[in-house]
Every structure is written in structure tokens, then in C-alpha cells.
Amino acid sequence: MITTPEHDAKIAKMTFSSVYPHYVTKVEKKGRTEEELLQVIEWLTGFDKAQLDKLKDEKVTFETFFNQATLNPNAELITGVICGYKVQDIQTPLTKQVRYLDKLVDELAKGKKMEKILREG
């Protein structure tokens, strides 16, 4: 799926710190914990809590965030629709990575089992 250059630029410039509180709210409203959210983010990006706190404090953009991340090799197993896009069909790498994260947060909020979210079987 082709996203527009404007859409991709908007995502690249968004800061992780501005979106993170929304992730926390979304999962906590559905009875999940911030610790589970951190586990999901670490699985995808390789960042532990201390690294995430530093990135939030530095107000890094998603572009910087994912440039510094070590994406899980199983990230390509993340499929489905998020924000109206099929994740697996997004062509722009950064937009795809951000949507991977959105999809994982969505799955966590929807009550999926952690081993399914983390593509362990």
C-alpha cells in the first residue's frame, strides 16, 4: 500500500514522547499494564525502559527512534489493518515500523496473549 509523502513526513516528525502516553492510556483502559507495554516495545525495538526513558526525555522523532532501534527479525510477522492500512503492504520502511508498533499496542489493548503479540507461537 502506498502512503503519501505528506503522511510519511508527518509520521517521521512525530515524537515518541508525544505518542507514548496515548499508548499507556490505551492499554491501561483495557486492563493491561505499562509493564506489558514496555515488554512489547522492547520486543519490537530492543530498547529497555531506561533507554526508552532517555529517548522520551530527548524528545526524539519516530525517525530517530527507529533509526536507533534494532528491529526484531520477527517484526515482519506483524500483519493486519491499523489506521486503515494493511501493515504488511506499507511500502515506506519508517511508516511500516511505526505501524508495527501501533499494531502491537492495539493487540495488547485488545487482550491478545503476550506470546501471540510477541510472535512466539
PDB file of N, CA and C in Angstrom:
ATOM      1  N   MET A   1       0.849  -1.184   0.000  1.00  0.00           N
ATOM      2  CA  MET A   1       0.000   0.000   0.000  1.00  0.00           C
ATOM      3  C   MET A   1       0.886   1.236   0.000  1.00  0.00           C
ATOM      4  N   ILE A   2       0.543   2.159  -0.823  1.00  0.00           N
ATOM      5  CA  ILE A   2       1.322   3.393  -0.952  1.00  0.00           C
ATOM      6  C   ILE A   2       0.729   4.445  -0.016  1.00  0.00           C
ATOM      7  N   THR A   3       1.594   4.987   0.844  1.00  0.00           N
ATOM      8  CA  THR A   3       1.196   6.119   1.673  1.00  0.00           C
ATOM      9  C   THR A   3       1.688   7.375   0.971  1.00  0.00           C
ATOM     10  N   THR A   4       1.109   8.497   1.308  1.00  0.00           N
ATOM     11  CA  THR A   4       1.539   9.737   0.658  1.00  0.00           C
ATOM     12  C   THR A   4       2.829  10.247   1.299  1.00  0.00           C
ATOM     13  N   PRO A   5       3.620  10.992   0.544  1.00  0.00           N
ATOM     14  CA  PRO A   5       4.840  11.570   1.133  1.00  0.00           C
ATOM     15  C   PRO A   5       4.523  12.466   2.339  1.00  0.00           C
ATOM     16  N   GLU A   6       3.389  13.160   2.274  1.00  0.00           N
ATOM     17  CA  GLU A   6       2.991  14.035   3.392  1.00  0.00           C
ATOM     18  C   GLU A   6       2.709  13.204   4.640  1.00  0.00           C
ATOM     19  N   HIS A   7       2.007  12.086   4.451  1.00  0.00           N
ATOM     20  CA  HIS A   7       1.689  11.185   5.553  1.00  0.00           C
ATOM     21  C   HIS A   7       2.980  10.648   6.172  1.00  0.00           C
ATOM     22  N   ASP A   8       3.902  10.206   5.331  1.00  0.00           N
ATOM     23  CA  ASP A   8       5.170   9.660   5.809  1.00  0.00           C
ATOM     24  C   ASP A   8       5.988  10.721   6.555  1.00  0.00           C
ATOM     25  N   ALA A   9       6.008  11.936   6.035  1.00  0.00           N
ATOM     26  CA  ALA A   9       6.759  13.026   6.669  1.00  0.00           C
ATOM     27  C   ALA A   9       6.163  13.369   8.033  1.00  0.00           C
ATOM     28  N   LYS A  10       4.844  13.361   8.117  1.00  0.00           N
ATOM     29  CA  LYS A  10       4.171  13.651   9.389  1.00  0.00           C
ATOM     30  C   LYS A  10       4.545  12.607  10.438  1.00  0.00           C
ATOM     31  N   ILE A  11       4.535  11.351  10.050  1.00  0.00           N
ATOM     32  CA  ILE A  11       4.893  10.276  10.982  1.00  0.00           C
ATOM     33  C   ILE A  11       6.351  10.403  11.404  1.00  0.00           C
ATOM     34  N   ALA A  12       7.235  10.674  10.470  1.00  0.00           N
ATOM     35  CA  ALA A  12       8.664  10.781  10.767  1.00  0.00           C
ATOM     36  C   ALA A  12       8.948  11.881  11.782  1.00  0.00           C
ATOM     37  N   LYS A  13       8.172  12.968  11.734  1.00  0.00           N
ATOM     38  CA  LYS A  13       8.425  14.128  12.592  1.00  0.00           C
ATOM     39  C   LYS A  13       7.751  14.032  13.959  1.00  0.00           C
ATOM     40  N   MET A  14       6.811  13.107  14.109  1.00  0.00           N
ATOM     41  CA  MET A  14       6.146  12.946  15.405  1.00  0.00           C
ATOM     42  C   MET A  14       7.177  12.467  16.425  1.00  0.00           C
ATOM     43  N   THR A  15       7.045  12.932  17.664  1.00  0.00           N
ATOM     44  CA  THR A  15       7.979  12.476  18.687  1.00  0.00           C
ATOM     45  C   THR A  15       7.394  11.276  19.426  1.00  0.00           C
ATOM     46  N   PHE A  16       8.279  10.360  19.768  1.00  0.00           N
ATOM     47  CA  PHE A  16       7.868   9.186  20.533  1.00  0.00           C
ATOM     48  C   PHE A  16       7.252   9.619  21.859  1.00  0.00           C
ATOM     49  N   SER A  17       7.837  10.631  22.492  1.00  0.00           N
ATOM     50  CA  SER A  17       7.343  11.082  23.800  1.00  0.00           C
ATOM     51  C   SER A  17       5.927  11.644  23.730  1.00  0.00           C
ATOM     52  N   SER A  18       5.521  12.153  22.572  1.00  0.00           N
ATOM     53  CA  SER A  18       4.161  12.699  22.455  1.00  0.00           C
ATOM     54  C   SER A  18       3.128  11.590  22.273  1.00  0.00           C
ATOM     55  N   VAL A  19       3.548  10.445  21.770  1.00  0.00           N
ATOM     56  CA  VAL A  19       2.629   9.343  21.492  1.00  0.00           C
ATOM     57  C   VAL A  19       2.583   8.339  22.642  1.00  0.00           C
ATOM     58  N   TYR A  20       3.700   8.179  23.341  1.00  0.00           N
ATOM     59  CA  TYR A  20       3.793   7.167  24.391  1.00  0.00           C
ATOM     60  C   TYR A  20       2.663   7.251  25.429  1.00  0.00           C
ATOM     61  N   PRO A  21       2.328   8.441  25.947  1.00  0.00           N
ATOM     62  CA  PRO A  21       1.234   8.499  26.937  1.00  0.00           C
ATOM     63  C   PRO A  21      -0.092   7.967  26.381  1.00  0.00           C
ATOM     64  N   HIS A  22      -0.318   8.128  25.089  1.00  0.00           N
ATOM     65  CA  HIS A  22      -1.539   7.609  24.467  1.00  0.00           C
ATOM     66  C   HIS A  22      -1.516   6.084  24.425  1.00  0.00           C
ATOM     67  N   TYR A  23      -0.339   5.521  24.185  1.00  0.00           N
ATOM     68  CA  TYR A  23      -0.197   4.059  24.230  1.00  0.00           C
ATOM     69  C   TYR A  23      -0.532   3.551  25.636  1.00  0.00           C
ATOM     70  N   VAL A  24       0.029   4.214  26.655  1.00  0.00           N
ATOM     71  CA  VAL A  24      -0.200   3.803  28.044  1.00  0.00           C
ATOM     72  C   VAL A  24      -1.689   3.876  28.364  1.00  0.00           C
ATOM     73  N   THR A  25      -2.322   4.984  28.037  1.00  0.00           N
ATOM     74  CA  THR A  25      -3.755   5.152  28.299  1.00  0.00           C
ATOM     75  C   THR A  25      -4.568   4.065  27.607  1.00  0.00           C
ATOM     76  N   LYS A  26      -4.247   3.803  26.360  1.00  0.00           N
ATOM     77  CA  LYS A  26      -4.997   2.817  25.585  1.00  0.00           C
ATOM     78  C   LYS A  26      -4.932   1.437  26.229  1.00  0.00           C
ATOM     79  N   VAL A  27      -3.742   1.003  26.620  1.00  0.00           N
ATOM     80  CA  VAL A  27      -3.629  -0.344  27.178  1.00  0.00           C
ATOM     81  C   VAL A  27      -4.188  -0.419  28.597  1.00  0.00           C
ATOM     82  N   GLU A  28      -3.977   0.632  29.391  1.00  0.00           N
ATOM     83  CA  GLU A  28      -4.476   0.609  30.768  1.00  0.00           C
ATOM     84  C   GLU A  28      -5.994   0.650  30.824  1.00  0.00           C
ATOM     85  N   LYS A  29      -6.633   1.357  29.890  1.00  0.00           N
ATOM     86  CA  LYS A  29      -8.103   1.385  29.823  1.00  0.00           C
ATOM     87  C   LYS A  29      -8.676  -0.008  29.618  1.00  0.00           C
ATOM     88  N   LYS A  30      -7.878  -0.868  28.982  1.00  0.00           N
ATOM     89  CA  LYS A  30      -8.331  -2.223  28.668  1.00  0.00           C
ATOM     90  C   LYS A  30      -7.791  -3.257  29.655  1.00  0.00           C
ATOM     91  N   GLY A  31      -7.258  -2.775  30.789  1.00  0.00           N
ATOM     92  CA  GLY A  31      -6.829  -3.692  31.834  1.00  0.00           C
ATOM     93  C   GLY A  31      -5.429  -4.257  31.680  1.00  0.00           C
ATOM     94  N   ARG A  32      -4.652  -3.729  30.757  1.00  0.00           N
ATOM     95  CA  ARG A  32      -3.266  -4.164  30.610  1.00  0.00           C
ATOM     96  C   ARG A  32      -2.378  -3.169  31.350  1.00  0.00           C
ATOM     97  N   THR A  33      -1.102  -3.488  31.490  1.00  0.00           N
ATOM     98  CA  THR A  33      -0.206  -2.648  32.285  1.00  0.00           C
ATOM     99  C   THR A  33       0.851  -1.960  31.429  1.00  0.00           C
ATOM    100  N   GLU A  34       1.422  -0.914  31.999  1.00  0.00           N
ATOM    101  CA  GLU A  34       2.527  -0.236  31.320  1.00  0.00           C
ATOM    102  C   GLU A  34       3.726  -1.177  31.196  1.00  0.00           C
ATOM    103  N   GLU A  35       3.906  -2.064  32.177  1.00  0.00           N
ATOM    104  CA  GLU A  35       4.999  -3.036  32.102  1.00  0.00           C
ATOM    105  C   GLU A  35       4.835  -3.938  30.883  1.00  0.00           C
ATOM    106  N   GLU A  36       3.601  -4.353  30.601  1.00  0.00           N
ATOM    107  CA  GLU A  36       3.357  -5.169  29.409  1.00  0.00           C
ATOM    108  C   GLU A  36       3.646  -4.364  28.143  1.00  0.00           C
ATOM    109  N   LEU A  37       3.264  -3.102  28.154  1.00  0.00           N
ATOM    110  CA  LEU A  37       3.553  -2.222  27.019  1.00  0.00           C
ATOM    111  C   LEU A  37       5.058  -2.116  26.804  1.00  0.00           C
ATOM    112  N   LEU A  38       5.807  -1.936  27.884  1.00  0.00           N
ATOM    113  CA  LEU A  38       7.259  -1.847  27.782  1.00  0.00           C
ATOM    114  C   LEU A  38       7.852  -3.142  27.223  1.00  0.00           C
ATOM    115  N   GLN A  39       7.278  -4.274  27.620  1.00  0.00           N
ATOM    116  CA  GLN A  39       7.749  -5.566  27.114  1.00  0.00           C
ATOM    117  C   GLN A  39       7.540  -5.661  25.598  1.00  0.00           C
ATOM    118  N   VAL A  40       6.388  -5.198  25.138  1.00  0.00           N
ATOM    119  CA  VAL A  40       6.065  -5.229  23.707  1.00  0.00           C
ATOM    120  C   VAL A  40       7.008  -4.300  22.932  1.00  0.00           C
ATOM    121  N   ILE A  41       7.233  -3.108  23.458  1.00  0.00           N
ATOM    122  CA  ILE A  41       8.118  -2.150  22.786  1.00  0.00           C
ATOM    123  C   ILE A  41       9.546  -2.686  22.751  1.00  0.00           C
ATOM    124  N   GLU A  42       9.993  -3.292  23.859  1.00  0.00           N
ATOM    125  CA  GLU A  42      11.349  -3.846  23.883  1.00  0.00           C
ATOM    126  C   GLU A  42      11.482  -4.986  22.880  1.00  0.00           C
ATOM    127  N   TRP A  43      10.452  -5.823  22.770  1.00  0.00           N
ATOM    128  CA  TRP A  43      10.494  -6.925  21.798  1.00  0.00           C
ATOM    129  C   TRP A  43      10.685  -6.375  20.378  1.00  0.00           C
ATOM    130  N   LEU A  44       9.931  -5.324  20.047  1.00  0.00           N
ATOM    131  CA  LEU A  44       9.997  -4.769  18.693  1.00  0.00           C
ATOM    132  C   LEU A  44      11.295  -4.017  18.429  1.00  0.00           C
ATOM    133  N   THR A  45      11.734  -3.207  19.399  1.00  0.00           N
ATOM    134  CA  THR A  45      12.810  -2.242  19.145  1.00  0.00           C
ATOM    135  C   THR A  45      14.156  -2.575  19.784  1.00  0.00           C
ATOM    136  N   GLY A  46      14.137  -3.424  20.804  1.00  0.00           N
ATOM    137  CA  GLY A  46      15.358  -3.703  21.557  1.00  0.00           C
ATOM    138  C   GLY A  46      15.616  -2.707  22.671  1.00  0.00           C
ATOM    139  N   PHE A  47      14.803  -1.665  22.802  1.00  0.00           N
ATOM    140  CA  PHE A  47      15.007  -0.648  23.839  1.00  0.00           C
ATOM    141  C   PHE A  47      14.422  -1.118  25.171  1.00  0.00           C
ATOM    142  N   ASP A  48      15.237  -1.047  26.239  1.00  0.00           N
ATOM    143  CA  ASP A  48      14.709  -1.333  27.570  1.00  0.00           C
ATOM    144  C   ASP A  48      14.113  -0.048  28.159  1.00  0.00           C
ATOM    145  N   LYS A  49      13.577  -0.156  29.377  1.00  0.00           N
ATOM    146  CA  LYS A  49      12.891   1.001  29.986  1.00  0.00           C
ATOM    147  C   LYS A  49      13.824   2.208  30.106  1.00  0.00           C
ATOM    148  N   ALA A  50      15.056   1.982  30.549  1.00  0.00           N
ATOM    149  CA  ALA A  50      16.000   3.106  30.714  1.00  0.00           C
ATOM    150  C   ALA A  50      16.272   3.796  29.378  1.00  0.00           C
ATOM    151  N   GLN A  51      16.452   3.008  28.332  1.00  0.00           N
ATOM    152  CA  GLN A  51      16.689   3.591  27.008  1.00  0.00           C
ATOM    153  C   GLN A  51      15.458   4.354  26.525  1.00  0.00           C
ATOM    154  N   LEU A  52      14.270   3.779  26.762  1.00  0.00           N
ATOM    155  CA  LEU A  52      13.034   4.467  26.353  1.00  0.00           C
ATOM    156  C   LEU A  52      12.870   5.779  27.110  1.00  0.00           C
ATOM    157  N   ASP A  53      13.160   5.761  28.406  1.00  0.00           N
ATOM    158  CA  ASP A  53      13.055   6.996  29.203  1.00  0.00           C
ATOM    159  C   ASP A  53      13.992   8.068  28.645  1.00  0.00           C
ATOM    160  N   LYS A  54      15.194   7.660  28.265  1.00  0.00           N
ATOM    161  CA  LYS A  54      16.165   8.604  27.698  1.00  0.00           C
ATOM    162  C   LYS A  54      15.642   9.165  26.367  1.00  0.00           C
ATOM    163  N   LEU A  55      15.117   8.294  25.521  1.00  0.00           N
ATOM    164  CA  LEU A  55      14.584   8.733  24.227  1.00  0.00           C
ATOM    165  C   LEU A  55      13.392   9.679  24.414  1.00  0.00           C
ATOM    166  N   LYS A  56      12.556   9.382  25.403  1.00  0.00           N
ATOM    167  CA  LYS A  56      11.416  10.274  25.687  1.00  0.00           C
ATOM    168  C   LYS A  56      11.921  11.624  26.172  1.00  0.00           C
ATOM    169  N   ASP A  57      12.899  11.603  27.084  1.00  0.00           N
ATOM    170  CA  ASP A  57      13.467  12.858  27.608  1.00  0.00           C
ATOM    171  C   ASP A  57      14.095  13.699  26.496  1.00  0.00           C
ATOM    172  N   GLU A  58      14.713  13.022  25.528  1.00  0.00           N
ATOM    173  CA  GLU A  58      15.349  13.729  24.410  1.00  0.00           C
ATOM    174  C   GLU A  58      14.347  14.162  23.349  1.00  0.00           C
ATOM    175  N   LYS A  59      13.091  13.727  23.511  1.00  0.00           N
ATOM    176  CA  LYS A  59      12.013  14.069  22.569  1.00  0.00           C
ATOM    177  C   LYS A  59      12.406  13.732  21.127  1.00  0.00           C
ATOM    178  N   VAL A  60      12.907  12.506  20.947  1.00  0.00           N
ATOM    179  CA  VAL A  60      13.311  12.079  19.613  1.00  0.00           C
ATOM    180  C   VAL A  60      12.094  11.866  18.727  1.00  0.00           C
ATOM    181  N   THR A  61      12.299  12.097  17.442  1.00  0.00           N
ATOM    182  CA  THR A  61      11.245  11.830  16.465  1.00  0.00           C
ATOM    183  C   THR A  61      11.172  10.318  16.235  1.00  0.00           C
ATOM    184  N   PHE A  62      10.080   9.881  15.627  1.00  0.00           N
ATOM    185  CA  PHE A  62       9.976   8.467  15.270  1.00  0.00           C
ATOM    186  C   PHE A  62      11.092   8.072  14.306  1.00  0.00           C
ATOM    187  N   GLU A  63      11.499   9.007  13.466  1.00  0.00           N
ATOM    188  CA  GLU A  63      12.588   8.719  12.537  1.00  0.00           C
ATOM    189  C   GLU A  63      13.866   8.360  13.298  1.00  0.00           C
ATOM    190  N   THR A  64      14.232   9.175  14.275  1.00  0.00           N
ATOM    191  CA  THR A  64      15.408   8.910  15.099  1.00  0.00           C
ATOM    192  C   THR A  64      15.202   7.651  15.933  1.00  0.00           C
ATOM    193  N   PHE A  65      14.023   7.517  16.509  1.00  0.00           N
ATOM    194  CA  PHE A  65      13.685   6.368  17.348  1.00  0.00           C
ATOM    195  C   PHE A  65      13.943   5.059  16.601  1.00  0.00           C
ATOM    196  N   PHE A  66      13.390   4.944  15.404  1.00  0.00           N
ATOM    197  CA  PHE A  66      13.548   3.692  14.665  1.00  0.00           C
ATOM    198  C   PHE A  66      14.926   3.556  14.015  1.00  0.00           C
ATOM    199  N   ASN A  67      15.610   4.677  13.745  1.00  0.00           N
ATOM    200  CA  ASN A  67      16.986   4.592  13.250  1.00  0.00           C
ATOM    201  C   ASN A  67      17.907   3.994  14.318  1.00  0.00           C
ATOM    202  N   GLN A  68      17.588   4.253  15.590  1.00  0.00           N
ATOM    203  CA  GLN A  68      18.407   3.746  16.696  1.00  0.00           C
ATOM    204  C   GLN A  68      17.961   2.361  17.163  1.00  0.00           C
ATOM    205  N   ALA A  69      16.781   1.941  16.764  1.00  0.00           N
ATOM    206  CA  ALA A  69      16.232   0.655  17.200  1.00  0.00           C
ATOM    207  C   ALA A  69      16.904  -0.509  16.476  1.00  0.00           C
ATOM    208  N   THR A  70      16.875  -1.657  17.132  1.00  0.00           N
ATOM    209  CA  THR A  70      17.264  -2.913  16.496  1.00  0.00           C
ATOM    210  C   THR A  70      15.968  -3.700  16.342  1.00  0.00           C
ATOM    211  N   LEU A  71      15.377  -3.603  15.168  1.00  0.00           N
ATOM    212  CA  LEU A  71      14.062  -4.201  14.937  1.00  0.00           C
ATOM    213  C   LEU A  71      14.125  -5.719  15.061  1.00  0.00           C
ATOM    214  N   ASN A  72      13.160  -6.274  15.770  1.00  0.00           N
ATOM    215  CA  ASN A  72      13.078  -7.720  15.937  1.00  0.00           C
ATOM    216  C   ASN A  72      12.940  -8.377  14.562  1.00  0.00           C
ATOM    217  N   PRO A  73      13.711  -9.427  14.293  1.00  0.00           N
ATOM    218  CA  PRO A  73      13.612 -10.084  12.989  1.00  0.00           C
ATOM    219  C   PRO A  73      12.221 -10.664  12.704  1.00  0.00           C
ATOM    220  N   ASN A  74      11.454 -10.925  13.750  1.00  0.00           N
ATOM    221  CA  ASN A  74      10.096 -11.435  13.552  1.00  0.00           C
ATOM    222  C   ASN A  74       9.061 -10.328  13.352  1.00  0.00           C
ATOM    223  N   ALA A  75       9.505  -9.081  13.292  1.00  0.00           N
ATOM    224  CA  ALA A  75       8.567  -7.971  13.093  1.00  0.00           C
ATOM    225  C   ALA A  75       7.773  -8.143  11.808  1.00  0.00           C
ATOM    226  N   GLU A  76       8.390  -8.759  10.811  1.00  0.00           N
ATOM    227  CA  GLU A  76       7.692  -8.954   9.534  1.00  0.00           C
ATOM    228  C   GLU A  76       6.481  -9.881   9.668  1.00  0.00           C
ATOM    229  N   LEU A  77       6.373 -10.581  10.798  1.00  0.00           N
ATOM    230  CA  LEU A  77       5.198 -11.434  11.042  1.00  0.00           C
ATOM    231  C   LEU A  77       3.990 -10.625  11.507  1.00  0.00           C
ATOM    232  N   ILE A  78       4.195  -9.341  11.776  1.00  0.00           N
ATOM    233  CA  ILE A  78       3.096  -8.469  12.203  1.00  0.00           C
ATOM    234  C   ILE A  78       2.270  -8.107  10.971  1.00  0.00           C
ATOM    235  N   THR A  79       1.018  -8.531  10.981  1.00  0.00           N
ATOM    236  CA  THR A  79       0.131  -8.267   9.851  1.00  0.00           C
ATOM    237  C   THR A  79      -1.209  -7.769  10.371  1.00  0.00           C
ATOM    238  N   GLY A  80      -2.028  -7.294   9.458  1.00  0.00           N
ATOM    239  CA  GLY A  80      -3.361  -6.828   9.813  1.00  0.00           C
ATOM    240  C   GLY A  80      -3.515  -5.351   9.509  1.00  0.00           C
ATOM    241  N   VAL A  81      -4.696  -4.859   9.805  1.00  0.00           N
ATOM    242  CA  VAL A  81      -5.034  -3.473   9.492  1.00  0.00           C
ATOM    243  C   VAL A  81      -4.891  -2.597  10.729  1.00  0.00           C
ATOM    244  N   ILE A  82      -4.230  -1.467  10.548  1.00  0.00           N
ATOM    245  CA  ILE A  82      -4.120  -0.458  11.605  1.00  0.00           C
ATOM    246  C   ILE A  82      -4.204   0.906  10.944  1.00  0.00           C
ATOM    247  N   CYS A  83      -5.029   1.767  11.488  1.00  0.00           N
ATOM    248  CA  CYS A  83      -5.216   3.115  10.944  1.00  0.00           C
ATOM    249  C   CYS A  83      -5.599   3.083   9.466  1.00  0.00           C
ATOM    250  N   GLY A  84      -6.338   2.067   9.073  1.00  0.00           N
ATOM    251  CA  GLY A  84      -6.813   1.974   7.698  1.00  0.00           C
ATOM    252  C   GLY A  84      -5.836   1.404   6.698  1.00  0.00           C
ATOM    253  N   TYR A  85      -4.659   0.989   7.166  1.00  0.00           N
ATOM    254  CA  TYR A  85      -3.637   0.437   6.281  1.00  0.00           C
ATOM    255  C   TYR A  85      -3.343  -1.005   6.657  1.00  0.00           C
ATOM    256  N   LYS A  86      -3.135  -1.854   5.652  1.00  0.00           N
ATOM    257  CA  LYS A  86      -2.625  -3.199   5.911  1.00  0.00           C
ATOM    258  C   LYS A  86      -1.135  -3.057   6.181  1.00  0.00           C
ATOM    259  N   VAL A  87      -0.725  -3.388   7.384  1.00  0.00           N
ATOM    260  CA  VAL A  87       0.668  -3.194   7.790  1.00  0.00           C
ATOM    261  C   VAL A  87       1.627  -3.847   6.803  1.00  0.00           C
ATOM    262  N   GLN A  88       1.327  -5.064   6.421  1.00  0.00           N
ATOM    263  CA  GLN A  88       2.233  -5.822   5.557  1.00  0.00           C
ATOM    264  C   GLN A  88       2.378  -5.219   4.166  1.00  0.00           C
ATOM    265  N   ASP A  89       1.472  -4.335   3.777  1.00  0.00           N
ATOM    266  CA  ASP A  89       1.505  -3.744   2.438  1.00  0.00           C
ATOM    267  C   ASP A  89       2.103  -2.337   2.392  1.00  0.00           C
ATOM    268  N   ILE A  90       2.448  -1.778   3.545  1.00  0.00           N
ATOM    269  CA  ILE A  90       3.021  -0.428   3.570  1.00  0.00           C
ATOM    270  C   ILE A  90       4.429  -0.478   2.979  1.00  0.00           C
ATOM    271  N   GLN A  91       4.705   0.420   2.043  1.00  0.00           N
ATOM    272  CA  GLN A  91       5.976   0.422   1.322  1.00  0.00           C
ATOM    273  C   GLN A  91       7.085   1.214   2.014  1.00  0.00           C
ATOM    274  N   THR A  92       6.748   2.293   2.687  1.00  0.00           N
ATOM    275  CA  THR A  92       7.752   3.153   3.314  1.00  0.00           C
ATOM    276  C   THR A  92       8.232   2.504   4.612  1.00  0.00           C
ATOM    277  N   PRO A  93       9.535   2.181   4.717  1.00  0.00           N
ATOM    278  CA  PRO A  93      10.026   1.452   5.891  1.00  0.00           C
ATOM    279  C   PRO A  93       9.692   2.104   7.237  1.00  0.00           C
ATOM    280  N   LEU A  94       9.912   3.411   7.383  1.00  0.00           N
ATOM    281  CA  LEU A  94       9.640   4.055   8.672  1.00  0.00           C
ATOM    282  C   LEU A  94       8.155   4.002   9.010  1.00  0.00           C
ATOM    283  N   THR A  95       7.304   4.304   8.054  1.00  0.00           N
ATOM    284  CA  THR A  95       5.867   4.258   8.296  1.00  0.00           C
ATOM    285  C   THR A  95       5.458   2.837   8.696  1.00  0.00           C
ATOM    286  N   LYS A  96       6.022   1.847   8.033  1.00  0.00           N
ATOM    287  CA  LYS A  96       5.729   0.446   8.360  1.00  0.00           C
ATOM    288  C   LYS A  96       6.148   0.145   9.792  1.00  0.00           C
ATOM    289  N   GLN A  97       7.325   0.609  10.213  1.00  0.00           N
ATOM    290  CA  GLN A  97       7.805   0.348  11.568  1.00  0.00           C
ATOM    291  C   GLN A  97       6.919   0.994  12.625  1.00  0.00           C
ATOM    292  N   VAL A  98       6.493   2.217  12.378  1.00  0.00           N
ATOM    293  CA  VAL A  98       5.599   2.893  13.323  1.00  0.00           C
ATOM    294  C   VAL A  98       4.275   2.141  13.395  1.00  0.00           C
ATOM    295  N   ARG A  99       3.782   1.684  12.266  1.00  0.00           N
ATOM    296  CA  ARG A  99       2.523   0.925  12.254  1.00  0.00           C
ATOM    297  C   ARG A  99       2.678  -0.445  12.898  1.00  0.00           C
ATOM    298  N   TYR A 100       3.877  -1.033  12.822  1.00  0.00           N
ATOM    299  CA  TYR A 100       4.137  -2.263  13.586  1.00  0.00           C
ATOM    300  C   TYR A 100       3.893  -1.991  15.070  1.00  0.00           C
ATOM    301  N   LEU A 101       4.473  -0.898  15.558  1.00  0.00           N
ATOM    302  CA  LEU A 101       4.321  -0.539  16.960  1.00  0.00           C
ATOM    303  C   LEU A 101       2.852  -0.284  17.298  1.00  0.00           C
ATOM    304  N   ASP A 102       2.169   0.468  16.444  1.00  0.00           N
ATOM    305  CA  ASP A 102       0.743   0.728  16.662  1.00  0.00           C
ATOM    306  C   ASP A 102      -0.054  -0.572  16.726  1.00  0.00           C
ATOM    307  N   LYS A 103       0.263  -1.494  15.842  1.00  0.00           N
ATOM    308  CA  LYS A 103      -0.451  -2.769  15.778  1.00  0.00           C
ATOM    309  C   LYS A 103      -0.218  -3.587  17.045  1.00  0.00           C
ATOM    310  N   LEU A 104       1.013  -3.612  17.536  1.00  0.00           N
ATOM    311  CA  LEU A 104       1.309  -4.346  18.764  1.00  0.00           C
ATOM    312  C   LEU A 104       0.572  -3.752  19.959  1.00  0.00           C
ATOM    313  N   VAL A 105       0.539  -2.425  20.038  1.00  0.00           N
ATOM    314  CA  VAL A 105      -0.187  -1.753  21.118  1.00  0.00           C
ATOM    315  C   VAL A 105      -1.674  -2.090  21.018  1.00  0.00           C
ATOM    316  N   ASP A 106      -2.193  -2.088  19.815  1.00  0.00           N
ATOM    317  CA  ASP A 106      -3.596  -2.421  19.582  1.00  0.00           C
ATOM    318  C   ASP A 106      -3.893  -3.860  20.027  1.00  0.00           C
ATOM    319  N   GLU A 107      -3.023  -4.784  19.674  1.00  0.00           N
ATOM    320  CA  GLU A 107      -3.221  -6.182  20.066  1.00  0.00           C
ATOM    321  C   GLU A 107      -3.175  -6.336  21.581  1.00  0.00           C
ATOM    322  N   LEU A 108      -2.271  -5.630  22.226  1.00  0.00           N
ATOM    323  CA  LEU A 108      -2.183  -5.661  23.683  1.00  0.00           C
ATOM    324  C   LEU A 108      -3.480  -5.145  24.298  1.00  0.00           C
ATOM    325  N   ALA A 109      -3.958  -4.016  23.784  1.00  0.00           N
ATOM    326  CA  ALA A 109      -5.192  -3.421  24.300  1.00  0.00           C
ATOM    327  C   ALA A 109      -6.406  -4.320  24.060  1.00  0.00           C
ATOM    328  N   LYS A 110      -6.363  -5.101  23.003  1.00  0.00           N
ATOM    329  CA  LYS A 110      -7.494  -5.983  22.688  1.00  0.00           C
ATOM    330  C   LYS A 110      -7.453  -7.294  23.469  1.00  0.00           C
ATOM    331  N   GLY A 111      -6.445  -7.451  24.323  1.00  0.00           N
ATOM    332  CA  GLY A 111      -6.409  -8.611  25.195  1.00  0.00           C
ATOM    333  C   GLY A 111      -5.727  -9.840  24.632  1.00  0.00           C
ATOM    334  N   LYS A 112      -5.003  -9.691  23.531  1.00  0.00           N
ATOM    335  CA  LYS A 112      -4.274 -10.840  22.984  1.00  0.00           C
ATOM    336  C   LYS A 112      -3.254 -11.334  23.999  1.00  0.00           C
ATOM    337  N   LYS A 113      -3.006 -12.621  23.972  1.00  0.00           N
ATOM    338  CA  LYS A 113      -1.994 -13.201  24.859  1.00  0.00           C
ATOM    339  C   LYS A 113      -0.616 -12.713  24.438  1.00  0.00           C
ATOM    340  N   MET A 114       0.229 -12.486  25.441  1.00  0.00           N
ATOM    341  CA  MET A 114       1.555 -11.924  25.186  1.00  0.00           C
ATOM    342  C   MET A 114       2.362 -12.773  24.206  1.00  0.00           C
ATOM    343  N   GLU A 115       2.293 -14.106  24.301  1.00  0.00           N
ATOM    344  CA  GLU A 115       3.089 -14.935  23.385  1.00  0.00           C
ATOM    345  C   GLU A 115       2.627 -14.779  21.940  1.00  0.00           C
ATOM    346  N   LYS A 116       1.352 -14.467  21.736  1.00  0.00           N
ATOM    347  CA  LYS A 116       0.850 -14.212  20.375  1.00  0.00           C
ATOM    348  C   LYS A 116       1.330 -12.840  19.882  1.00  0.00           C
ATOM    349  N   ILE A 117       1.269 -11.839  20.768  1.00  0.00           N
ATOM    350  CA  ILE A 117       1.721 -10.490  20.404  1.00  0.00           C
ATOM    351  C   ILE A 117       3.202 -10.524  20.019  1.00  0.00           C
ATOM    352  N   LEU A 118       3.974 -11.292  20.779  1.00  0.00           N
ATOM    353  CA  LEU A 118       5.420 -11.350  20.564  1.00  0.00           C
ATOM    354  C   LEU A 118       5.801 -12.400  19.520  1.00  0.00           C
ATOM    355  N   ARG A 119       4.803 -12.901  18.825  1.00  0.00           N
ATOM    356  CA  ARG A 119       5.018 -13.838  17.703  1.00  0.00           C
ATOM    357  C   ARG A 119       5.883 -15.016  18.120  1.00  0.00           C
ATOM    358  N   GLU A 120       5.512 -15.610  19.271  1.00  0.00           N
ATOM    359  CA  GLU A 120       6.271 -16.762  19.792  1.00  0.00           C
ATOM    360  C   GLU A 120       5.590 -18.086  19.478  1.00  0.00           C
ATOM    361  N   GLY A 121       4.483 -18.039  18.822  1.00  0.00           N
ATOM    362  CA  GLY A 121       3.845 -19.316  18.506  1.00  0.00           C
ATOM    363  C   GLY A 121       2.345 -19.253  18.515  1.00  0.00           C
TER     364      GLY A 121
END
